[in-house]
């Protein structure tokens, strides 16, 4: 978020983006199975939110957000 504040010299976009992420995480906390499978062992799923992907895992007691990735970046640079 700091990057977007610095880049845009405004907090408007980071706040909107944060709200989108929070809404998606709230939905995932109630229905974690709706994500797409990224890996099966260990189970890691992702949910797309605009140009971003929220990578997570869960165990029915908690949802663990692993990372947020800007999917416009080079996928070869992605490390989880």
N, C-alpha and C. Protein backbone atom coordinates (compact mmCIF):
# COMPACT_ATOMS: atom_id res chain seq x y z
N UNK A 1 0.81 -1.18 0.00
CA UNK A 1 0.00 0.00 0.00
C UNK A 1 0.87 1.26 0.00
N UNK A 2 2.00 1.17 0.70
CA UNK A 2 2.90 2.33 0.73
C UNK A 2 3.36 2.70 -0.68
N UNK A 3 3.60 1.68 -1.49
CA UNK A 3 4.02 1.92 -2.87
C UNK A 3 2.97 2.77 -3.61
N UNK A 4 1.69 2.38 -3.47
CA UNK A 4 0.64 3.10 -4.19
C UNK A 4 0.46 4.52 -3.66
N UNK A 5 0.61 4.72 -2.38
CA UNK A 5 0.52 6.07 -1.83
C UNK A 5 1.65 6.92 -2.40
N UNK A 6 2.85 6.35 -2.40
CA UNK A 6 4.01 7.08 -2.94
C UNK A 6 3.84 7.35 -4.43
N UNK A 7 3.44 6.34 -5.17
CA UNK A 7 3.32 6.47 -6.63
C UNK A 7 2.25 7.48 -7.04
N UNK A 8 1.08 7.41 -6.40
CA UNK A 8 -0.05 8.25 -6.79
C UNK A 8 -0.15 9.54 -5.97
N UNK A 9 0.66 9.64 -4.93
CA UNK A 9 0.57 10.79 -4.03
C UNK A 9 -0.85 10.99 -3.51
N UNK A 10 -1.50 9.87 -3.25
CA UNK A 10 -2.88 9.89 -2.77
C UNK A 10 -3.16 8.57 -2.06
N UNK A 11 -4.08 8.61 -1.10
CA UNK A 11 -4.47 7.39 -0.41
C UNK A 11 -5.75 6.78 -0.98
N UNK A 12 -6.35 7.43 -1.95
CA UNK A 12 -7.63 6.96 -2.50
C UNK A 12 -7.53 5.56 -3.08
N UNK A 13 -6.60 5.32 -3.99
CA UNK A 13 -6.49 4.01 -4.62
C UNK A 13 -6.10 2.93 -3.62
N UNK A 14 -5.10 3.15 -2.76
CA UNK A 14 -4.78 2.11 -1.78
C UNK A 14 -5.95 1.75 -0.86
N UNK A 15 -6.76 2.72 -0.51
CA UNK A 15 -7.92 2.42 0.33
C UNK A 15 -8.92 1.56 -0.43
N UNK A 16 -9.17 1.89 -1.69
CA UNK A 16 -10.09 1.08 -2.51
C UNK A 16 -9.55 -0.34 -2.66
N UNK A 17 -8.26 -0.45 -2.93
CA UNK A 17 -7.64 -1.76 -3.10
C UNK A 17 -7.70 -2.56 -1.79
N UNK A 18 -7.42 -1.92 -0.70
CA UNK A 18 -7.50 -2.58 0.60
C UNK A 18 -8.92 -3.06 0.88
N UNK A 19 -9.91 -2.26 0.55
CA UNK A 19 -11.30 -2.67 0.74
C UNK A 19 -11.65 -3.88 -0.11
N UNK A 20 -11.17 -3.91 -1.36
CA UNK A 20 -11.40 -5.08 -2.23
C UNK A 20 -10.77 -6.34 -1.64
N UNK A 21 -9.54 -6.21 -1.16
CA UNK A 21 -8.86 -7.36 -0.56
C UNK A 21 -9.60 -7.82 0.69
N UNK A 22 -10.00 -6.89 1.52
CA UNK A 22 -10.71 -7.26 2.75
C UNK A 22 -12.04 -7.94 2.46
N UNK A 23 -12.77 -7.46 1.45
CA UNK A 23 -14.03 -8.11 1.07
C UNK A 23 -13.78 -9.53 0.60
N UNK A 24 -12.75 -9.71 -0.21
CA UNK A 24 -12.42 -11.05 -0.71
C UNK A 24 -11.98 -11.97 0.41
N UNK A 25 -11.19 -11.45 1.35
CA UNK A 25 -10.74 -12.27 2.47
C UNK A 25 -11.91 -12.64 3.38
N UNK A 26 -12.85 -11.75 3.53
CA UNK A 26 -14.04 -12.06 4.32
C UNK A 26 -14.83 -13.20 3.68
N UNK A 27 -15.00 -13.12 2.36
CA UNK A 27 -15.69 -14.18 1.62
C UNK A 27 -14.92 -15.50 1.75
N UNK A 28 -13.61 -15.45 1.58
CA UNK A 28 -12.79 -16.66 1.69
C UNK A 28 -12.82 -17.25 3.09
N UNK A 29 -12.92 -16.40 4.09
CA UNK A 29 -12.97 -16.92 5.45
C UNK A 29 -14.24 -17.73 5.70
N UNK A 30 -15.31 -17.40 4.99
CA UNK A 30 -16.56 -18.15 5.11
C UNK A 30 -16.62 -19.34 4.16
N UNK A 31 -15.97 -19.21 2.99
CA UNK A 31 -16.02 -20.25 1.95
C UNK A 31 -14.62 -20.44 1.34
N UNK A 32 -13.69 -21.01 2.09
CA UNK A 32 -12.31 -21.11 1.60
C UNK A 32 -12.14 -22.00 0.38
N UNK A 33 -13.09 -22.87 0.12
CA UNK A 33 -12.95 -23.81 -1.00
C UNK A 33 -13.19 -23.16 -2.36
N UNK A 34 -13.65 -21.91 -2.39
CA UNK A 34 -13.99 -21.29 -3.69
C UNK A 34 -12.77 -20.88 -4.51
N UNK A 35 -11.59 -20.85 -3.89
CA UNK A 35 -10.40 -20.47 -4.62
C UNK A 35 -9.98 -21.53 -5.62
N UNK A 36 -9.13 -21.12 -6.54
CA UNK A 36 -8.58 -22.07 -7.52
C UNK A 36 -7.32 -22.69 -6.93
N UNK A 37 -7.14 -23.97 -7.20
CA UNK A 37 -5.99 -24.69 -6.64
C UNK A 37 -4.71 -24.27 -7.36
N UNK A 38 -3.71 -23.88 -6.58
CA UNK A 38 -2.39 -23.54 -7.10
C UNK A 38 -1.47 -24.74 -6.95
N UNK A 39 -1.46 -25.33 -5.75
CA UNK A 39 -0.73 -26.58 -5.51
C UNK A 39 -1.60 -27.47 -4.63
N UNK A 40 -1.43 -28.78 -4.78
CA UNK A 40 -2.22 -29.71 -3.97
C UNK A 40 -1.50 -30.16 -2.72
N UNK A 41 -0.19 -30.24 -2.76
CA UNK A 41 0.55 -30.71 -1.60
C UNK A 41 1.77 -29.83 -1.40
N UNK A 42 1.73 -28.87 -0.51
CA UNK A 42 0.63 -28.53 0.38
C UNK A 42 -0.48 -27.80 -0.38
N UNK A 43 -1.67 -27.85 0.17
CA UNK A 43 -2.80 -27.20 -0.47
C UNK A 43 -2.66 -25.68 -0.40
N UNK A 44 -2.50 -25.07 -1.55
CA UNK A 44 -2.44 -23.62 -1.67
C UNK A 44 -3.42 -23.23 -2.77
N UNK A 45 -4.27 -22.28 -2.46
CA UNK A 45 -5.26 -21.82 -3.42
C UNK A 45 -5.04 -20.33 -3.67
N UNK A 46 -5.74 -19.81 -4.68
CA UNK A 46 -5.69 -18.37 -4.92
C UNK A 46 -7.04 -17.88 -5.38
N UNK A 47 -7.26 -16.59 -5.14
CA UNK A 47 -8.46 -15.92 -5.61
C UNK A 47 -8.01 -14.67 -6.32
N UNK A 48 -8.52 -14.46 -7.52
CA UNK A 48 -8.19 -13.26 -8.28
C UNK A 48 -9.05 -12.09 -7.81
N UNK A 49 -8.40 -10.96 -7.64
CA UNK A 49 -9.06 -9.71 -7.28
C UNK A 49 -8.48 -8.64 -8.20
N UNK A 50 -9.24 -8.31 -9.24
CA UNK A 50 -8.77 -7.42 -10.31
C UNK A 50 -7.46 -7.96 -10.88
N UNK A 51 -6.38 -7.19 -10.80
CA UNK A 51 -5.10 -7.63 -11.36
C UNK A 51 -4.22 -8.34 -10.34
N UNK A 52 -4.79 -8.74 -9.23
CA UNK A 52 -4.02 -9.34 -8.15
C UNK A 52 -4.53 -10.73 -7.85
N UNK A 53 -3.66 -11.51 -7.22
CA UNK A 53 -4.05 -12.83 -6.74
C UNK A 53 -3.73 -12.91 -5.26
N UNK A 54 -4.70 -13.38 -4.51
CA UNK A 54 -4.50 -13.63 -3.08
C UNK A 54 -4.21 -15.12 -2.92
N UNK A 55 -3.00 -15.47 -2.53
CA UNK A 55 -2.62 -16.86 -2.32
C UNK A 55 -2.81 -17.18 -0.84
N UNK A 56 -3.45 -18.31 -0.58
CA UNK A 56 -3.78 -18.65 0.80
C UNK A 56 -3.87 -20.16 0.98
N UNK A 57 -3.94 -20.55 2.24
CA UNK A 57 -4.22 -21.91 2.63
C UNK A 57 -5.19 -21.85 3.81
N UNK A 58 -5.76 -22.97 4.18
CA UNK A 58 -6.71 -22.96 5.29
C UNK A 58 -6.79 -24.34 5.92
N UNK A 59 -7.34 -24.38 7.14
CA UNK A 59 -7.51 -25.65 7.83
C UNK A 59 -8.86 -25.74 8.54
N UNK A 60 -9.85 -25.02 8.07
CA UNK A 60 -11.22 -24.99 8.61
C UNK A 60 -11.33 -24.28 9.95
N UNK A 61 -10.21 -23.90 10.55
CA UNK A 61 -10.25 -23.07 11.74
C UNK A 61 -9.70 -21.68 11.44
N UNK A 62 -8.83 -21.62 10.44
CA UNK A 62 -8.24 -20.33 10.09
C UNK A 62 -7.85 -20.30 8.62
N UNK A 63 -7.84 -19.11 8.11
CA UNK A 63 -7.41 -18.84 6.74
C UNK A 63 -6.07 -18.12 6.85
N UNK A 64 -5.08 -18.58 6.12
CA UNK A 64 -3.75 -17.99 6.18
C UNK A 64 -3.43 -17.38 4.83
N UNK A 65 -3.34 -16.06 4.79
CA UNK A 65 -2.96 -15.35 3.57
C UNK A 65 -1.45 -15.47 3.42
N UNK A 66 -1.00 -16.04 2.32
CA UNK A 66 0.43 -16.26 2.11
C UNK A 66 1.09 -15.08 1.43
N UNK A 67 0.43 -14.57 0.39
CA UNK A 67 0.98 -13.41 -0.32
C UNK A 67 -0.08 -12.83 -1.24
N UNK A 68 0.17 -11.61 -1.64
CA UNK A 68 -0.64 -10.94 -2.66
C UNK A 68 0.30 -10.67 -3.82
N UNK A 69 -0.09 -11.10 -5.01
CA UNK A 69 0.78 -11.00 -6.18
C UNK A 69 0.09 -10.19 -7.27
N UNK A 70 0.79 -9.22 -7.82
CA UNK A 70 0.29 -8.46 -8.96
C UNK A 70 0.48 -9.33 -10.20
N UNK A 71 -0.60 -9.82 -10.76
CA UNK A 71 -0.51 -10.79 -11.85
C UNK A 71 -0.02 -10.18 -13.17
N UNK A 72 0.21 -8.89 -13.20
CA UNK A 72 0.77 -8.26 -14.40
C UNK A 72 2.29 -8.39 -14.42
N UNK A 73 2.85 -8.84 -13.33
CA UNK A 73 4.30 -9.02 -13.25
C UNK A 73 4.71 -10.32 -13.92
N UNK A 74 5.98 -10.45 -14.19
CA UNK A 74 6.53 -11.64 -14.83
C UNK A 74 6.33 -12.85 -13.91
N UNK A 75 5.58 -13.86 -14.36
CA UNK A 75 5.32 -15.02 -13.50
C UNK A 75 6.58 -15.81 -13.15
N UNK A 76 7.62 -15.68 -13.94
CA UNK A 76 8.88 -16.37 -13.64
C UNK A 76 9.52 -15.83 -12.36
N UNK A 77 9.17 -14.62 -11.98
CA UNK A 77 9.73 -14.02 -10.76
C UNK A 77 8.93 -14.35 -9.51
N UNK A 78 7.82 -15.06 -9.68
CA UNK A 78 6.95 -15.38 -8.55
C UNK A 78 7.56 -16.49 -7.72
N UNK A 79 7.69 -16.21 -6.41
CA UNK A 79 8.17 -17.22 -5.47
C UNK A 79 7.23 -17.21 -4.28
N UNK A 80 6.80 -18.38 -3.89
CA UNK A 80 5.88 -18.48 -2.77
C UNK A 80 6.58 -19.09 -1.59
